[in-house]
Amino acid sequence: MADDQLRFVVNLHHATTPHFDLRLEAEGVLLSWAVPKGPSLDPTVRRLAVQVDDHELDQLTYEGRSVTDSGRVHTKIVWDTGTYTPAEPPRAAVDRGHLRFELSGHKLAGGFALTRTRLGDSDRSWILIKLTDEHAEPDRAASGVDRDRSVLTGVTNDELAAGG
């Protein structure tokens, strides 16, 4: 990977509710969204993506397990990772409410777009879509592709939860 390439990660996070975390590197941090149903490879499918606080770059490779005070086990794996190319500087695009980008990962490839909405009167609600290109697969949710396996270690959330 060239030093000037921007990185991304998609985590499969089993917390109170299982969801995916999309994180895009920009200006020394990871711009971050929680995507409840995960990304789709079908350009006709819109996925809710809730913007969350920026994360540190160490989250690009973080996998692990934690136990809450109530005893609930949370796990996180690296579901996909790679590099991405934004159509324009990512921070400025996010500030305007529309970011287009090309992913080059193990499971996800091609064009995607995030667009801010006003769902629930929140400026943190976005829509994630797959753009129509050679990587689009109508009627196919990306979250069904090797859904449970980390691309870094091959571990599943269930294996982490069991202490593996």
N, C-alpha and C. Protein backbone atom coordinates (compact mmCIF):
# COMPACT_ATOMS: atom_id res chain seq x y z
N MET A 1 0.84 -1.18 0.00
CA MET A 1 0.00 0.00 0.00
C MET A 1 0.89 1.24 0.00
N ALA A 2 0.61 2.18 -0.88
CA ALA A 2 1.35 3.44 -0.93
C ALA A 2 1.03 4.28 0.31
N ASP A 3 1.99 5.08 0.73
CA ASP A 3 1.81 5.89 1.93
C ASP A 3 0.66 6.88 1.83
N ASP A 4 0.31 7.30 0.60
CA ASP A 4 -0.74 8.31 0.45
C ASP A 4 -2.13 7.70 0.30
N GLN A 5 -2.25 6.37 0.31
CA GLN A 5 -3.56 5.75 0.18
C GLN A 5 -4.33 5.83 1.49
N LEU A 6 -5.59 6.13 1.38
CA LEU A 6 -6.47 6.18 2.55
C LEU A 6 -7.02 4.79 2.82
N ARG A 7 -7.16 4.46 4.08
CA ARG A 7 -7.62 3.12 4.47
C ARG A 7 -9.05 3.17 5.00
N PHE A 8 -9.69 2.01 4.93
CA PHE A 8 -11.02 1.86 5.51
C PHE A 8 -11.08 0.54 6.25
N VAL A 9 -12.07 0.43 7.13
CA VAL A 9 -12.37 -0.82 7.80
C VAL A 9 -13.87 -0.91 7.98
N VAL A 10 -14.39 -2.14 7.88
CA VAL A 10 -15.77 -2.43 8.24
C VAL A 10 -15.69 -3.50 9.32
N ASN A 11 -16.17 -3.14 10.50
CA ASN A 11 -16.21 -4.09 11.62
C ASN A 11 -17.58 -4.73 11.70
N LEU A 12 -17.62 -5.98 12.10
CA LEU A 12 -18.87 -6.61 12.52
C LEU A 12 -18.83 -6.57 14.03
N HIS A 13 -19.75 -5.82 14.61
CA HIS A 13 -19.73 -5.51 16.04
C HIS A 13 -20.96 -6.12 16.69
N HIS A 14 -20.74 -7.10 17.53
CA HIS A 14 -21.84 -7.68 18.31
C HIS A 14 -21.86 -6.96 19.64
N ALA A 15 -22.80 -6.04 19.78
CA ALA A 15 -22.98 -5.27 21.00
C ALA A 15 -24.42 -5.51 21.45
N THR A 16 -25.06 -4.52 22.02
CA THR A 16 -26.46 -4.67 22.40
C THR A 16 -27.26 -5.17 21.21
N THR A 17 -27.00 -4.60 20.04
CA THR A 17 -27.58 -5.04 18.79
C THR A 17 -26.44 -5.26 17.80
N PRO A 18 -26.36 -6.41 17.15
CA PRO A 18 -25.30 -6.60 16.14
C PRO A 18 -25.44 -5.57 15.02
N HIS A 19 -24.32 -5.02 14.58
CA HIS A 19 -24.31 -4.05 13.50
C HIS A 19 -22.92 -4.01 12.88
N PHE A 20 -22.80 -3.27 11.81
CA PHE A 20 -21.52 -3.06 11.14
C PHE A 20 -21.08 -1.63 11.42
N ASP A 21 -19.77 -1.44 11.54
CA ASP A 21 -19.18 -0.10 11.68
C ASP A 21 -18.35 0.17 10.43
N LEU A 22 -18.66 1.24 9.71
CA LEU A 22 -17.90 1.68 8.55
C LEU A 22 -17.01 2.83 9.00
N ARG A 23 -15.70 2.69 8.76
CA ARG A 23 -14.76 3.73 9.16
C ARG A 23 -13.84 4.07 7.98
N LEU A 24 -13.75 5.37 7.69
CA LEU A 24 -12.95 5.87 6.57
C LEU A 24 -11.88 6.82 7.09
N GLU A 25 -10.64 6.56 6.74
CA GLU A 25 -9.53 7.40 7.19
C GLU A 25 -9.61 8.78 6.54
N ALA A 26 -9.40 9.81 7.37
CA ALA A 26 -9.36 11.19 6.87
C ALA A 26 -8.67 12.06 7.91
N GLU A 27 -7.64 12.74 7.51
CA GLU A 27 -6.96 13.72 8.37
C GLU A 27 -6.56 13.15 9.73
N GLY A 28 -6.04 11.91 9.73
CA GLY A 28 -5.50 11.33 10.94
C GLY A 28 -6.50 10.68 11.88
N VAL A 29 -7.75 10.59 11.46
CA VAL A 29 -8.79 9.91 12.26
C VAL A 29 -9.61 9.02 11.32
N LEU A 30 -10.55 8.30 11.91
CA LEU A 30 -11.49 7.50 11.13
C LEU A 30 -12.88 8.10 11.25
N LEU A 31 -13.39 8.62 10.14
CA LEU A 31 -14.78 9.07 10.08
C LEU A 31 -15.62 7.80 10.21
N SER A 32 -16.67 7.82 11.03
CA SER A 32 -17.32 6.57 11.40
C SER A 32 -18.84 6.62 11.34
N TRP A 33 -19.42 5.50 10.90
CA TRP A 33 -20.87 5.30 10.84
C TRP A 33 -21.21 3.90 11.33
N ALA A 34 -22.29 3.77 12.06
CA ALA A 34 -22.86 2.47 12.41
C ALA A 34 -23.91 2.15 11.35
N VAL A 35 -23.80 0.96 10.76
CA VAL A 35 -24.70 0.54 9.69
C VAL A 35 -25.43 -0.71 10.18
N PRO A 36 -26.66 -0.54 10.70
CA PRO A 36 -27.35 -1.66 11.35
C PRO A 36 -27.45 -2.94 10.51
N LYS A 37 -27.80 -2.82 9.24
CA LYS A 37 -27.98 -4.02 8.40
C LYS A 37 -26.74 -4.33 7.56
N GLY A 38 -25.71 -3.53 7.66
CA GLY A 38 -24.51 -3.76 6.86
C GLY A 38 -24.67 -3.25 5.45
N PRO A 39 -23.54 -3.15 4.73
CA PRO A 39 -23.59 -2.65 3.36
C PRO A 39 -24.27 -3.65 2.43
N SER A 40 -24.78 -3.15 1.34
CA SER A 40 -25.39 -3.99 0.31
C SER A 40 -24.63 -3.81 -0.99
N LEU A 41 -24.60 -4.87 -1.80
CA LEU A 41 -23.99 -4.79 -3.13
C LEU A 41 -25.03 -4.44 -4.19
N ASP A 42 -26.28 -4.30 -3.78
CA ASP A 42 -27.39 -4.00 -4.67
C ASP A 42 -27.63 -2.49 -4.70
N PRO A 43 -27.43 -1.86 -5.86
CA PRO A 43 -27.60 -0.40 -5.95
C PRO A 43 -29.02 0.10 -5.64
N THR A 44 -30.02 -0.77 -5.64
CA THR A 44 -31.38 -0.34 -5.33
C THR A 44 -31.67 -0.33 -3.84
N VAL A 45 -30.74 -0.84 -3.04
CA VAL A 45 -30.95 -0.95 -1.59
C VAL A 45 -30.30 0.23 -0.88
N ARG A 46 -31.07 0.88 -0.05
CA ARG A 46 -30.56 1.99 0.77
C ARG A 46 -30.39 1.47 2.19
N ARG A 47 -29.24 1.74 2.79
CA ARG A 47 -28.99 1.31 4.17
C ARG A 47 -28.83 2.54 5.07
N LEU A 48 -29.49 2.50 6.21
CA LEU A 48 -29.30 3.53 7.21
C LEU A 48 -27.86 3.44 7.72
N ALA A 49 -27.21 4.58 7.86
CA ALA A 49 -25.87 4.68 8.42
C ALA A 49 -25.90 5.84 9.41
N VAL A 50 -25.67 5.56 10.68
CA VAL A 50 -25.74 6.59 11.71
C VAL A 50 -24.31 7.05 12.02
N GLN A 51 -24.05 8.33 11.75
CA GLN A 51 -22.72 8.87 12.00
C GLN A 51 -22.45 8.89 13.50
N VAL A 52 -21.28 8.41 13.87
CA VAL A 52 -20.85 8.40 15.26
C VAL A 52 -19.55 9.20 15.35
N ASP A 53 -19.05 9.38 16.55
CA ASP A 53 -17.81 10.13 16.74
C ASP A 53 -16.66 9.51 15.95
N ASP A 54 -15.71 10.37 15.55
CA ASP A 54 -14.51 9.89 14.89
C ASP A 54 -13.77 8.92 15.82
N HIS A 55 -13.05 7.98 15.23
CA HIS A 55 -12.28 7.00 15.99
C HIS A 55 -10.80 7.14 15.67
N GLU A 56 -9.98 6.61 16.55
CA GLU A 56 -8.53 6.63 16.36
C GLU A 56 -8.14 5.61 15.28
N LEU A 57 -6.98 5.83 14.67
CA LEU A 57 -6.52 4.95 13.60
C LEU A 57 -6.24 3.53 14.07
N ASP A 58 -6.01 3.31 15.37
CA ASP A 58 -5.76 1.95 15.84
C ASP A 58 -6.99 1.06 15.65
N GLN A 59 -8.15 1.64 15.39
CA GLN A 59 -9.36 0.86 15.14
C GLN A 59 -9.36 0.19 13.77
N LEU A 60 -8.37 0.52 12.93
CA LEU A 60 -8.27 -0.13 11.62
C LEU A 60 -8.02 -1.63 11.74
N THR A 61 -7.38 -2.05 12.81
CA THR A 61 -7.04 -3.47 12.96
C THR A 61 -7.55 -4.07 14.27
N TYR A 62 -8.32 -3.31 15.03
CA TYR A 62 -8.76 -3.79 16.33
C TYR A 62 -9.80 -4.90 16.20
N GLU A 63 -9.55 -6.00 16.90
CA GLU A 63 -10.52 -7.06 17.09
C GLU A 63 -10.46 -7.42 18.56
N GLY A 64 -11.59 -7.73 19.14
CA GLY A 64 -11.53 -8.09 20.55
C GLY A 64 -12.89 -8.34 21.16
N ARG A 65 -12.81 -8.56 22.45
CA ARG A 65 -13.98 -8.91 23.25
C ARG A 65 -13.92 -8.09 24.52
N SER A 66 -15.09 -7.65 24.97
CA SER A 66 -15.18 -6.94 26.24
C SER A 66 -16.45 -7.39 26.94
N VAL A 67 -16.44 -7.22 28.25
CA VAL A 67 -17.61 -7.59 29.05
C VAL A 67 -18.09 -6.34 29.76
N THR A 68 -19.38 -6.04 29.63
CA THR A 68 -19.95 -4.86 30.27
C THR A 68 -20.15 -5.11 31.76
N ASP A 69 -20.46 -4.05 32.49
CA ASP A 69 -20.73 -4.18 33.93
C ASP A 69 -21.89 -5.14 34.20
N SER A 70 -22.81 -5.24 33.26
CA SER A 70 -23.96 -6.14 33.43
C SER A 70 -23.64 -7.58 33.02
N GLY A 71 -22.42 -7.81 32.55
CA GLY A 71 -22.00 -9.16 32.18
C GLY A 71 -22.21 -9.51 30.72
N ARG A 72 -22.71 -8.57 29.94
CA ARG A 72 -22.92 -8.82 28.51
C ARG A 72 -21.59 -8.77 27.76
N VAL A 73 -21.37 -9.74 26.89
CA VAL A 73 -20.14 -9.82 26.09
C VAL A 73 -20.35 -9.08 24.78
N HIS A 74 -19.44 -8.17 24.46
CA HIS A 74 -19.42 -7.46 23.18
C HIS A 74 -18.18 -7.94 22.42
N THR A 75 -18.34 -8.17 21.12
CA THR A 75 -17.20 -8.58 20.30
C THR A 75 -17.15 -7.75 19.03
N LYS A 76 -15.95 -7.63 18.48
CA LYS A 76 -15.75 -6.86 17.24
C LYS A 76 -14.68 -7.56 16.41
N ILE A 77 -15.01 -7.82 15.13
CA ILE A 77 -14.03 -8.37 14.20
C ILE A 77 -13.86 -7.41 13.02
N VAL A 78 -12.75 -7.55 12.31
CA VAL A 78 -12.53 -6.81 11.07
C VAL A 78 -13.17 -7.62 9.95
N TRP A 79 -14.39 -7.22 9.60
CA TRP A 79 -15.15 -7.92 8.57
C TRP A 79 -14.57 -7.66 7.18
N ASP A 80 -14.09 -6.43 6.95
CA ASP A 80 -13.42 -6.09 5.70
C ASP A 80 -12.48 -4.92 5.95
N THR A 81 -11.46 -4.83 5.13
CA THR A 81 -10.51 -3.72 5.22
C THR A 81 -9.81 -3.57 3.88
N GLY A 82 -9.24 -2.41 3.67
CA GLY A 82 -8.52 -2.14 2.43
C GLY A 82 -8.27 -0.65 2.29
N THR A 83 -8.25 -0.20 1.07
CA THR A 83 -8.04 1.21 0.79
C THR A 83 -9.27 1.77 0.10
N TYR A 84 -9.36 3.10 0.14
CA TYR A 84 -10.47 3.75 -0.56
C TYR A 84 -9.98 5.03 -1.20
N THR A 85 -10.71 5.43 -2.23
CA THR A 85 -10.41 6.67 -2.95
C THR A 85 -11.67 7.53 -2.94
N PRO A 86 -11.62 8.66 -2.24
CA PRO A 86 -12.78 9.55 -2.24
C PRO A 86 -12.83 10.36 -3.53
N ALA A 87 -14.04 10.75 -3.93
CA ALA A 87 -14.20 11.58 -5.12
C ALA A 87 -13.70 13.00 -4.89
N GLU A 88 -13.66 13.41 -3.61
CA GLU A 88 -13.14 14.73 -3.21
C GLU A 88 -12.64 14.60 -1.78
N PRO A 89 -11.99 15.62 -1.24
CA PRO A 89 -11.51 15.51 0.13
C PRO A 89 -12.63 15.08 1.08
N PRO A 90 -12.43 13.98 1.83
CA PRO A 90 -13.53 13.40 2.60
C PRO A 90 -14.11 14.29 3.68
N ARG A 91 -13.32 15.01 4.40
CA ARG A 91 -13.87 15.84 5.48
C ARG A 91 -14.80 16.91 4.91
N ALA A 92 -14.38 17.56 3.85
CA ALA A 92 -15.22 18.59 3.22
C ALA A 92 -16.52 17.98 2.68
N ALA A 93 -16.42 16.79 2.09
CA ALA A 93 -17.61 16.13 1.56
C ALA A 93 -18.58 15.77 2.69
N VAL A 94 -18.06 15.28 3.79
CA VAL A 94 -18.90 14.94 4.94
C VAL A 94 -19.56 16.20 5.50
N ASP A 95 -18.80 17.27 5.59
CA ASP A 95 -19.36 18.53 6.08
C ASP A 95 -20.53 19.00 5.21
N ARG A 96 -20.44 18.75 3.90
CA ARG A 96 -21.51 19.13 2.97
C ARG A 96 -22.65 18.12 2.97
N GLY A 97 -22.39 16.90 3.44
CA GLY A 97 -23.46 15.91 3.53
C GLY A 97 -23.51 14.90 2.41
N HIS A 98 -22.46 14.79 1.58
CA HIS A 98 -22.46 13.78 0.51
C HIS A 98 -21.02 13.38 0.21
N LEU A 99 -20.74 12.09 0.38
CA LEU A 99 -19.40 11.55 0.14
C LEU A 99 -19.51 10.36 -0.80
N ARG A 100 -18.83 10.46 -1.94
CA ARG A 100 -18.71 9.34 -2.88
C ARG A 100 -17.30 8.80 -2.76
N PHE A 101 -17.17 7.47 -2.85
CA PHE A 101 -15.85 6.86 -2.71
C PHE A 101 -15.81 5.48 -3.36
N GLU A 102 -14.61 5.06 -3.72
CA GLU A 102 -14.36 3.74 -4.30
C GLU A 102 -13.62 2.92 -3.26
N LEU A 103 -14.15 1.73 -2.95
CA LEU A 103 -13.50 0.83 -2.02
C LEU A 103 -12.71 -0.23 -2.77
N SER A 104 -11.60 -0.61 -2.20
CA SER A 104 -10.80 -1.73 -2.69
C SER A 104 -10.47 -2.59 -1.49
N GLY A 105 -11.37 -3.51 -1.16
CA GLY A 105 -11.20 -4.35 0.01
C GLY A 105 -11.23 -5.82 -0.34
N HIS A 106 -11.27 -6.66 0.67
CA HIS A 106 -11.35 -8.10 0.47
C HIS A 106 -12.75 -8.53 0.06
N LYS A 107 -13.78 -7.88 0.61
CA LYS A 107 -15.17 -8.23 0.36
C LYS A 107 -15.94 -7.16 -0.39
N LEU A 108 -15.55 -5.91 -0.22
CA LEU A 108 -16.25 -4.79 -0.85
C LEU A 108 -15.35 -4.13 -1.87
N ALA A 109 -15.92 -3.80 -3.02
CA ALA A 109 -15.17 -3.10 -4.06
C ALA A 109 -16.11 -2.22 -4.85
N GLY A 110 -15.55 -1.20 -5.45
CA GLY A 110 -16.32 -0.32 -6.30
C GLY A 110 -16.88 0.89 -5.57
N GLY A 111 -17.79 1.56 -6.25
CA GLY A 111 -18.30 2.83 -5.77
C GLY A 111 -19.42 2.71 -4.75
N PHE A 112 -19.35 3.59 -3.77
CA PHE A 112 -20.38 3.72 -2.73
C PHE A 112 -20.61 5.21 -2.51
N ALA A 113 -21.74 5.54 -1.90
CA ALA A 113 -22.01 6.92 -1.54
C ALA A 113 -22.74 6.97 -0.20
N LEU A 114 -22.38 7.97 0.57
CA LEU A 114 -23.06 8.28 1.83
C LEU A 114 -23.71 9.65 1.65
N THR A 115 -25.00 9.75 2.00
CA THR A 115 -25.71 11.01 1.89
C THR A 115 -26.46 11.28 3.18
N ARG A 116 -26.26 12.47 3.74
CA ARG A 116 -26.95 12.85 4.98
C ARG A 116 -28.43 13.03 4.69
N THR A 117 -29.26 12.59 5.64
CA THR A 117 -30.70 12.78 5.54
C THR A 117 -31.16 13.50 6.80
N ARG A 118 -32.43 13.73 6.90
CA ARG A 118 -32.99 14.35 8.11
C ARG A 118 -33.94 13.38 8.80
N LEU A 119 -33.68 12.09 8.66
CA LEU A 119 -34.52 11.09 9.32
C LEU A 119 -34.52 11.32 10.82
N GLY A 120 -35.70 11.34 11.40
CA GLY A 120 -35.79 11.52 12.84
C GLY A 120 -35.25 12.86 13.32
N ASP A 121 -35.21 13.85 12.44
CA ASP A 121 -34.70 15.18 12.78
C ASP A 121 -33.27 15.15 13.31
N SER A 122 -32.47 14.20 12.85
CA SER A 122 -31.09 14.08 13.29
C SER A 122 -30.15 14.32 12.12
N ASP A 123 -29.10 15.12 12.33
CA ASP A 123 -28.12 15.31 11.28
C ASP A 123 -27.09 14.18 11.27
N ARG A 124 -27.27 13.18 12.14
CA ARG A 124 -26.38 12.02 12.17
C ARG A 124 -26.89 10.87 11.31
N SER A 125 -28.08 11.00 10.74
CA SER A 125 -28.66 9.95 9.89
C SER A 125 -28.19 10.13 8.45
N TRP A 126 -27.63 9.07 7.92
CA TRP A 126 -27.14 9.04 6.54
C TRP A 126 -27.73 7.82 5.85
N ILE A 127 -27.63 7.81 4.53
CA ILE A 127 -28.00 6.65 3.73
C ILE A 127 -26.74 6.19 2.99
N LEU A 128 -26.46 4.89 3.07
CA LEU A 128 -25.33 4.28 2.35
C LEU A 128 -25.88 3.49 1.17
N ILE A 129 -25.34 3.76 -0.02
CA ILE A 129 -25.76 3.00 -1.21
C ILE A 129 -24.54 2.52 -1.97
N LYS A 130 -24.74 1.42 -2.69
CA LYS A 130 -23.74 0.91 -3.63
C LYS A 130 -24.04 1.56 -4.97
N LEU A 131 -23.03 2.12 -5.60
CA LEU A 131 -23.21 2.72 -6.91
C LEU A 131 -23.22 1.63 -7.98
N THR A 132 -23.89 1.89 -9.08
CA THR A 132 -23.94 0.93 -10.18
C THR A 132 -22.59 0.92 -10.88
N ASP A 133 -21.92 -0.23 -10.82
CA ASP A 133 -20.65 -0.42 -11.50
C ASP A 133 -20.42 -1.92 -11.66
N GLU A 134 -19.24 -2.31 -12.12
CA GLU A 134 -18.97 -3.73 -12.38
C GLU A 134 -18.95 -4.58 -11.11
N HIS A 135 -18.91 -3.96 -9.93
CA HIS A 135 -18.90 -4.68 -8.66
C HIS A 135 -20.29 -4.79 -8.03
N ALA A 136 -21.27 -4.14 -8.64
CA ALA A 136 -22.64 -4.20 -8.12
C ALA A 136 -23.23 -5.58 -8.38
N GLU A 137 -24.00 -6.04 -7.42
CA GLU A 137 -24.67 -7.34 -7.54
C GLU A 137 -26.11 -7.20 -7.05
N PRO A 138 -27.03 -6.95 -8.00
CA PRO A 138 -28.43 -6.82 -7.60
C PRO A 138 -28.89 -8.02 -6.77
N ASP A 139 -29.76 -7.75 -5.83
CA ASP A 139 -30.34 -8.77 -4.95
C ASP A 139 -29.31 -9.45 -4.05
N ARG A 140 -28.21 -8.75 -3.73
CA ARG A 140 -27.19 -9.38 -2.88
C ARG A 140 -26.72 -8.41 -1.81
N ALA A 141 -26.94 -8.78 -0.58
CA ALA A 141 -26.44 -7.99 0.54
C ALA A 141 -24.99 -8.37 0.77
N ALA A 142 -24.12 -7.40 0.87
CA ALA A 142 -22.71 -7.69 1.12
C ALA A 142 -22.54 -8.37 2.46
N SER A 143 -23.43 -8.10 3.40
CA SER A 143 -23.30 -8.69 4.73
C SER A 143 -23.50 -10.19 4.70
N GLY A 144 -23.97 -10.75 3.58
CA GLY A 144 -24.08 -12.19 3.46
C GLY A 144 -22.80 -12.84 2.99
N VAL A 145 -21.83 -12.06 2.53
CA VAL A 145 -20.57 -12.57 2.03
C VAL A 145 -19.65 -12.86 3.21
N ASP A 146 -19.34 -14.13 3.45
CA ASP A 146 -18.46 -14.50 4.56
C ASP A 146 -18.81 -13.70 5.81
N ARG A 147 -20.07 -13.61 6.10
CA ARG A 147 -20.58 -12.71 7.11
C ARG A 147 -19.84 -12.78 8.43
N ASP A 148 -19.51 -13.97 8.88
CA ASP A 148 -19.01 -14.11 10.24
C ASP A 148 -17.50 -14.13 10.39
N ARG A 149 -16.75 -14.09 9.34
CA ARG A 149 -15.30 -14.28 9.44
C ARG A 149 -14.51 -12.99 9.29
N SER A 150 -13.52 -12.84 10.16
CA SER A 150 -12.58 -11.72 10.05
C SER A 150 -11.66 -11.95 8.85
N VAL A 151 -11.40 -10.88 8.10
CA VAL A 151 -10.45 -10.99 6.99
C VAL A 151 -9.01 -10.98 7.49
N LEU A 152 -8.80 -10.58 8.74
CA LEU A 152 -7.44 -10.56 9.30
C LEU A 152 -7.06 -11.86 9.98
N THR A 153 -7.99 -12.45 10.74
CA THR A 153 -7.64 -13.60 11.57
C THR A 153 -8.49 -14.83 11.30
N GLY A 154 -9.59 -14.68 10.58
CA GLY A 154 -10.49 -15.80 10.33
C GLY A 154 -11.41 -16.11 11.50
N VAL A 155 -11.29 -15.37 12.59
CA VAL A 155 -12.11 -15.61 13.78
C VAL A 155 -13.53 -15.07 13.57
N THR A 156 -14.50 -15.65 14.27
CA THR A 156 -15.88 -15.16 14.23
C THR A 156 -16.19 -14.44 15.54
N ASN A 157 -17.27 -13.66 15.54
CA ASN A 157 -17.73 -13.02 16.77
C ASN A 157 -18.09 -14.07 17.83
N ASP A 158 -18.71 -15.16 17.39
CA ASP A 158 -19.08 -16.21 18.34
C ASP A 158 -17.85 -16.84 18.99
N GLU A 159 -16.80 -17.04 18.20
CA GLU A 159 -15.55 -17.59 18.78
C GLU A 159 -14.94 -16.62 19.79
N LEU A 160 -14.98 -15.33 19.46
CA LEU A 160 -14.48 -14.34 20.43
C LEU A 160 -15.33 -14.33 21.70
N ALA A 161 -16.63 -14.42 21.53
CA ALA A 161 -17.54 -14.40 22.69
C ALA A 161 -17.28 -15.59 23.60
N ALA A 162 -16.90 -16.72 23.01
CA ALA A 162 -16.64 -17.93 23.80
C ALA A 162 -15.25 -17.89 24.46
N GLY A 163 -14.53 -16.79 24.20
CA GLY A 163 -13.21 -16.65 24.81
C GLY A 163 -12.08 -17.04 23.89
N GLY A 164 -12.38 -17.30 22.62
CA GLY A 164 -11.36 -17.73 21.67
C GLY A 164 -10.57 -16.61 21.08
